[in-house]
Amino acid sequence: MAVTAAMIKALREATNAGMSACKGALVEADGDFDRAVDILREKGLAAAAKKAGRIASEGLVWAYITPDNSVGAVIEVNSETDFVAKNQDFRNYVIAITTQTAASKSPDVRGLLDEKWIDDESMTVNDALIQKIAIIGERLDIRRFERFEKQGSGLLVSYIHGGGKVAVLLELASDVVNDQLTEAGKNVCMQIAAMNPRFVDKDDISDEFIQKEREILTQRANLEERENASNNPRYKVKPEQILQKIIAGRLDKELKDFCLVEQEYVKDSELTVDQYLKSVGKEIGSHISVKRFARYETGEGMAKKEENFAEEVSKAMGQA
């Protein structure tokens, strides 16, 4: 019996297995849908469907740079529990998919999932993911990634903190590339991991973002004035021009905290990050600048499932 695209689609929707795995199962079953499902179950590939509704907000972030320093990638792969995130098999998988991402040309996760798997070209990245879900027994998600192709002279640097809790990918521009530049790159990566800047410098900040922050600070300042006047009848409300100067000062400080090169350098509070890079540049004889960076933190911005131990035990007992 000929296997059609509609049959493959139906089997994929029923089992959540990969397209190539579904096609192979249907061919093996000579088009028998139920037998194809059994084949996938026997191979452990249909088990992932049962886990599709679970929350996966733990996991790992990882970074990788090619040996020739031409391409770097940073990725987040989520699991349901921190226990699995510490599993070496899962960690090996994350390292492999990060390496695949660096070699990929796909612009998004969907495209990445359709590629041939780097460790076995007989399956896709999605097939490998489904297989790993079946082996580990938890829902796993490739949530996001970024890839940097080095632009001109300089250096790509990566840093992984806490065994995969935070990962940073950084590109520095410099005409001289040596061990001192590499050390400076690691130091800046640690700065990014610790201080979580949002922009390289003020030139990266949009007018819309600045206006929004100004509005927030204005509302906060007006609320403070009303509360001060309400709590103290003798309080003199600040004139508008004074209030605007206070808001402008707060905005300037906030934007500096958002900008990497203007942050106080964590290893030497007497310097900003920009001043630190200038001092290194003077030593190696080249101007150094930050071109771009990406900072990933595991589960960042995701809702996390919270259960106390007593509830977990009661649930387990109820299922026993």
Protein backbone atom coordinates (compact mmCIF):
# COMPACT_ATOMS: atom_id res chain seq x y z
CA MET A 1 0.00 0.00 0.00
CA ALA A 2 1.34 3.42 -0.96
CA VAL A 3 2.15 5.76 1.92
CA THR A 4 0.73 9.25 1.41
CA ALA A 5 1.60 12.60 2.94
CA ALA A 6 -1.83 12.67 4.61
CA MET A 7 -1.14 9.34 6.32
CA ILE A 8 2.23 10.56 7.58
CA LYS A 9 0.63 13.78 8.86
CA ALA A 10 -2.11 11.85 10.70
CA LEU A 11 0.40 9.51 12.35
CA ARG A 12 2.60 12.44 13.37
CA GLU A 13 -0.34 14.21 14.99
CA ALA A 14 -1.35 11.04 16.82
CA THR A 15 2.11 10.15 18.15
CA ASN A 16 4.18 13.37 18.05
CA ALA A 17 6.98 11.34 16.44
CA GLY A 18 9.13 12.83 13.68
CA MET A 19 8.07 12.92 10.05
CA SER A 20 10.74 10.49 8.85
CA ALA A 21 10.03 8.11 11.75
CA CYS A 22 6.30 8.16 10.87
CA LYS A 23 7.00 7.49 7.21
CA GLY A 24 9.33 4.60 8.08
CA ALA A 25 6.75 3.06 10.44
CA LEU A 26 3.99 3.29 7.82
CA VAL A 27 6.21 1.71 5.18
CA GLU A 28 7.14 -1.08 7.59
CA ALA A 29 3.45 -1.59 8.47
CA ASP A 30 2.43 -1.52 4.79
CA GLY A 31 0.10 1.43 5.47
CA ASP A 32 -1.61 -0.11 8.50
CA PHE A 33 -2.12 2.89 10.82
CA ASP A 34 -2.58 0.95 14.07
CA ARG A 35 0.41 -1.25 13.34
CA ALA A 36 2.48 1.86 12.57
CA VAL A 37 1.56 3.30 15.97
CA ASP A 38 2.66 0.04 17.59
CA ILE A 39 5.96 0.14 15.70
CA LEU A 40 6.63 3.67 16.96
CA ARG A 41 5.70 2.64 20.48
CA GLU A 42 8.02 -0.35 20.27
CA LYS A 43 10.83 1.98 19.26
CA GLY A 44 9.96 4.38 22.08
CA LEU A 45 9.18 7.20 19.66
CA ALA A 46 5.46 7.55 20.43
CA ALA A 47 6.01 7.99 24.15
CA ALA A 48 6.75 11.67 23.72
CA ALA A 49 3.12 12.43 22.87
CA LYS A 50 2.08 11.80 26.46
CA LYS A 51 4.50 14.43 27.66
CA ALA A 52 3.50 17.21 25.27
CA GLY A 53 1.28 19.02 27.79
CA ARG A 54 3.79 19.19 30.59
CA ILE A 55 5.67 22.31 31.61
CA ALA A 56 9.35 22.35 30.62
CA SER A 57 10.98 25.34 32.31
CA GLU A 58 14.18 23.83 33.70
CA GLY A 59 17.04 22.65 31.53
CA LEU A 60 20.30 24.08 30.27
CA VAL A 61 21.68 26.99 28.31
CA TRP A 62 24.91 26.34 26.45
CA ALA A 63 27.37 28.09 24.14
CA TYR A 64 29.78 26.79 21.52
CA ILE A 65 32.36 28.37 19.21
CA THR A 66 33.84 26.59 16.20
CA PRO A 67 37.56 25.72 16.41
CA ASP A 68 38.42 28.36 13.79
CA ASN A 69 36.54 31.00 15.81
CA SER A 70 34.36 31.91 12.83
CA VAL A 71 30.93 30.99 14.22
CA GLY A 72 29.42 30.84 17.70
CA ALA A 73 26.06 29.66 18.97
CA VAL A 74 24.10 29.92 22.22
CA ILE A 75 21.01 27.82 22.89
CA GLU A 76 18.40 27.00 25.53
CA VAL A 77 16.99 23.48 25.82
CA ASN A 78 14.31 22.99 28.47
CA SER A 79 13.39 19.97 30.56
CA GLU A 80 10.68 19.48 33.17
CA THR A 81 12.98 19.04 36.18
CA ASP A 82 16.33 20.24 37.39
CA PHE A 83 17.20 16.58 38.05
CA VAL A 84 17.17 15.83 34.32
CA ALA A 85 19.11 19.03 33.62
CA LYS A 86 21.96 17.51 35.65
CA ASN A 87 21.78 14.19 33.79
CA GLN A 88 24.93 13.64 31.70
CA ASP A 89 23.00 12.11 28.81
CA PHE A 90 20.85 15.25 28.59
CA ARG A 91 23.92 17.49 28.89
CA ASN A 92 25.63 15.59 26.07
CA TYR A 93 22.53 16.09 23.93
CA VAL A 94 22.52 19.85 24.61
CA ILE A 95 26.20 20.09 23.69
CA ALA A 96 25.52 18.19 20.44
CA ILE A 97 22.55 20.38 19.47
CA THR A 98 24.59 23.53 20.20
CA THR A 99 27.29 22.25 17.84
CA GLN A 100 24.59 21.54 15.24
CA THR A 101 23.22 25.06 15.64
CA ALA A 102 26.63 26.60 14.93
CA ALA A 103 26.79 24.67 11.64
CA SER A 104 23.16 25.39 10.74
CA LYS A 105 21.82 28.05 8.39
CA SER A 106 18.28 27.85 9.76
CA PRO A 107 16.92 31.17 11.05
CA ASP A 108 14.65 29.65 13.69
CA VAL A 109 13.93 26.56 15.79
CA ARG A 110 11.38 25.21 13.32
CA GLY A 111 13.94 25.17 10.54
CA LEU A 112 16.55 23.64 12.82
CA LEU A 113 14.22 20.77 13.75
CA ASP A 114 13.81 19.84 10.08
CA GLU A 115 17.56 19.50 9.45
CA LYS A 116 19.48 16.23 9.33
CA TRP A 117 20.79 15.32 12.81
CA ILE A 118 24.53 15.93 13.10
CA ASP A 119 25.16 12.59 14.83
CA ASP A 120 22.96 10.46 12.54
CA GLU A 121 21.84 11.72 9.13
CA SER A 122 19.22 8.98 8.88
CA MET A 123 17.06 11.10 11.20
CA THR A 124 16.17 14.78 11.61
CA VAL A 125 16.93 16.99 14.60
CA ASN A 126 13.28 16.60 15.61
CA ASP A 127 13.54 12.80 15.39
CA ALA A 128 16.59 12.91 17.65
CA LEU A 129 14.70 15.15 20.09
CA ILE A 130 11.71 12.78 20.20
CA GLN A 131 14.05 9.85 20.73
CA LYS A 132 15.76 11.65 23.60
CA ILE A 133 12.38 12.41 25.18
CA ALA A 134 11.53 8.71 25.05
CA ILE A 135 14.83 7.75 26.68
CA ILE A 136 14.86 10.42 29.39
CA GLY A 137 11.12 10.27 30.12
CA GLU A 138 10.42 14.01 30.29
CA ARG A 139 9.24 16.67 27.90
CA LEU A 140 12.19 18.46 26.29
CA ASP A 141 12.01 21.65 24.21
CA ILE A 142 14.55 23.49 22.09
CA ARG A 143 13.32 26.93 23.08
CA ARG A 144 15.63 29.41 21.32
CA PHE A 145 19.08 29.97 19.89
CA GLU A 146 21.30 32.66 18.41
CA ARG A 147 24.21 32.25 16.04
CA PHE A 148 27.02 34.76 15.48
CA GLU A 149 29.12 34.67 12.33
CA LYS A 150 32.23 36.72 13.06
CA GLN A 151 32.24 40.03 11.24
CA GLY A 152 35.73 41.20 10.30
CA SER A 153 38.76 41.13 12.58
CA GLY A 154 38.18 40.22 16.19
CA LEU A 155 37.20 37.40 18.50
CA LEU A 156 34.19 35.36 19.51
CA VAL A 157 34.14 34.43 23.20
CA SER A 158 31.72 32.30 25.21
CA TYR A 159 31.13 31.75 28.90
CA ILE A 160 28.91 29.27 30.75
CA HIS A 161 28.04 29.98 34.38
CA GLY A 162 26.69 27.60 36.99
CA GLY A 163 27.08 24.52 34.81
CA GLY A 164 24.48 25.79 32.34
CA LYS A 165 22.30 28.25 34.27
CA VAL A 166 23.59 31.25 32.29
CA ALA A 167 25.39 31.26 28.93
CA VAL A 168 26.96 34.24 27.17
CA LEU A 169 28.17 34.68 23.60
CA LEU A 170 30.24 37.79 22.84
CA GLU A 171 31.88 39.31 19.77
CA LEU A 172 34.78 41.72 20.21
CA ALA A 173 36.26 43.79 17.39
CA SER A 174 40.04 44.14 17.45
CA ASP A 175 42.90 44.21 14.92
CA VAL A 176 45.07 42.26 17.35
CA VAL A 177 43.91 38.85 18.58
CA ASN A 178 45.99 37.28 21.36
CA ASP A 179 45.71 35.76 24.83
CA GLN A 180 45.16 39.17 26.43
CA LEU A 181 42.15 39.80 24.19
CA THR A 182 40.80 36.34 25.02
CA GLU A 183 41.15 37.05 28.75
CA ALA A 184 39.44 40.42 28.31
CA GLY A 185 36.62 38.68 26.44
CA LYS A 186 36.13 36.18 29.27
CA ASN A 187 36.04 39.02 31.79
CA VAL A 188 33.42 40.90 29.79
CA CYS A 189 31.38 37.69 29.41
CA MET A 190 31.41 37.28 33.20
CA GLN A 191 30.31 40.92 33.50
CA ILE A 192 27.37 40.21 31.18
CA ALA A 193 26.44 37.06 33.11
CA ALA A 194 26.52 38.89 36.45
CA MET A 195 25.05 42.29 35.56
CA ASN A 196 22.61 41.35 32.77
CA PRO A 197 22.93 44.42 30.51
CA ARG A 198 20.35 44.86 27.78
CA PHE A 199 22.35 46.90 25.26
CA VAL A 200 25.96 47.40 24.19
CA ASP A 201 25.75 51.21 24.47
CA LYS A 202 23.24 54.04 24.29
CA ASP A 203 23.33 54.03 20.49
CA ASP A 204 21.57 50.64 20.63
CA ILE A 205 18.61 52.01 22.60
CA SER A 206 15.56 52.98 20.58
CA ASP A 207 13.76 56.28 21.09
CA GLU A 208 10.60 54.31 21.92
CA PHE A 209 12.36 52.48 24.75
CA ILE A 210 13.75 55.72 26.19
CA GLN A 211 10.35 57.40 26.00
CA LYS A 212 8.69 54.47 27.76
CA GLU A 213 11.27 54.53 30.56
CA ARG A 214 10.86 58.31 30.90
CA GLU A 215 7.09 57.89 31.26
CA ILE A 216 7.54 55.23 33.94
CA LEU A 217 9.99 57.41 35.89
CA THR A 218 7.69 60.45 35.53
CA GLN A 219 4.73 58.51 36.95
CA ARG A 220 6.90 57.25 39.80
CA ALA A 221 8.18 60.75 40.61
CA ASN A 222 4.65 62.23 40.56
CA LEU A 223 3.43 59.43 42.86
CA GLU A 224 6.29 60.13 45.28
CA GLU A 225 5.37 63.83 45.33
CA ARG A 226 1.71 63.05 46.07
CA GLU A 227 2.64 60.60 48.84
CA ASN A 228 5.08 63.08 50.41
CA ALA A 229 2.45 65.83 50.35
CA SER A 230 -0.17 63.49 51.78
CA ASN A 231 2.08 62.30 54.61
CA ASN A 232 3.47 65.73 55.48
CA PRO A 233 1.19 68.82 55.32
CA ARG A 234 4.29 71.06 55.41
CA TYR A 235 5.91 69.35 52.45
CA LYS A 236 6.55 71.72 49.54
CA VAL A 237 5.87 70.09 46.20
CA LYS A 238 8.84 70.45 43.87
CA PRO A 239 8.47 72.83 40.92
CA GLU A 240 8.02 71.11 37.57
CA GLN A 241 11.46 72.14 36.28
CA ILE A 242 13.16 70.63 39.36
CA LEU A 243 11.12 67.47 39.04
CA GLN A 244 12.11 67.15 35.37
CA LYS A 245 15.81 67.43 36.31
CA ILE A 246 15.37 64.64 38.88
CA ILE A 247 13.64 62.46 36.29
CA ALA A 248 16.38 63.15 33.74
CA GLY A 249 19.05 62.18 36.28
CA ARG A 250 17.29 58.95 37.15
CA LEU A 251 16.81 58.12 33.46
CA ASP A 252 20.49 58.70 32.72
CA LYS A 253 21.51 56.40 35.59
CA GLU A 254 19.05 53.72 34.52
CA LEU A 255 20.23 53.77 30.91
CA LYS A 256 23.84 53.45 32.05
CA ASP A 257 22.90 50.36 34.04
CA PHE A 258 21.26 48.92 30.91
CA CYS A 259 24.34 49.56 28.73
CA LEU A 260 27.24 47.13 29.00
CA VAL A 261 30.11 49.50 28.22
CA GLU A 262 28.85 52.11 30.70
CA GLN A 263 28.41 49.69 33.59
CA GLU A 264 30.80 49.71 36.51
CA TYR A 265 33.35 46.99 35.82
CA VAL A 266 32.75 44.27 38.40
CA LYS A 267 36.44 43.41 38.82
CA ASP A 268 37.48 47.04 39.37
CA SER A 269 34.84 49.50 40.54
CA GLU A 270 37.12 52.40 39.60
CA LEU A 271 36.55 51.60 35.91
CA THR A 272 33.64 51.25 33.54
CA VAL A 273 33.65 48.32 31.12
CA ASP A 274 34.56 50.74 28.33
CA GLN A 275 37.54 52.06 30.31
CA TYR A 276 38.67 48.51 31.07
CA LEU A 277 38.63 47.61 27.36
CA LYS A 278 40.52 50.79 26.50
CA SER A 279 43.22 49.86 29.02
CA VAL A 280 43.57 46.39 27.48
CA GLY A 281 43.57 47.91 23.99
CA LYS A 282 46.42 50.20 24.98
CA GLU A 283 48.43 47.20 26.17
CA ILE A 284 47.95 45.16 23.00
CA GLY A 285 48.10 48.09 20.59
CA SER A 286 44.60 47.92 19.16
CA HIS A 287 41.23 49.52 19.70
CA ILE A 288 38.78 47.04 21.23
CA SER A 289 35.01 47.36 20.99
CA VAL A 290 32.00 45.21 21.77
CA LYS A 291 30.11 44.39 18.58
CA ARG A 292 27.30 42.34 20.11
CA PHE A 293 26.42 39.86 22.81
CA ALA A 294 23.71 37.38 23.75
CA ARG A 295 22.90 36.33 27.31
CA TYR A 296 20.65 33.33 27.95
CA GLU A 297 19.38 32.32 31.37
CA THR A 298 17.57 29.03 31.89
CA GLY A 299 13.79 29.48 32.10
CA GLU A 300 14.07 33.25 31.68
CA GLY A 301 10.61 34.78 31.29
CA MET A 302 8.84 31.42 31.63
CA ALA A 303 6.18 30.43 34.13
CA LYS A 304 7.47 27.65 36.35
CA LYS A 305 5.42 24.89 37.87
CA GLU A 306 5.57 25.06 41.65
CA GLU A 307 4.58 22.16 43.87
CA ASN A 308 5.43 21.56 47.51
CA PHE A 309 6.85 18.23 48.61
CA ALA A 310 3.74 17.20 50.57
CA GLU A 311 1.50 17.73 47.54
CA GLU A 312 3.92 15.80 45.37
CA VAL A 313 3.91 12.82 47.76
CA SER A 314 0.11 12.90 48.04
CA LYS A 315 -0.22 12.92 44.27
CA ALA A 316 2.17 9.99 43.96
CA MET A 317 0.26 8.02 46.60
CA GLY A 318 -3.01 8.72 44.82
CA GLN A 319 -1.60 7.33 41.60
CA ALA A 320 -0.15 4.23 43.24
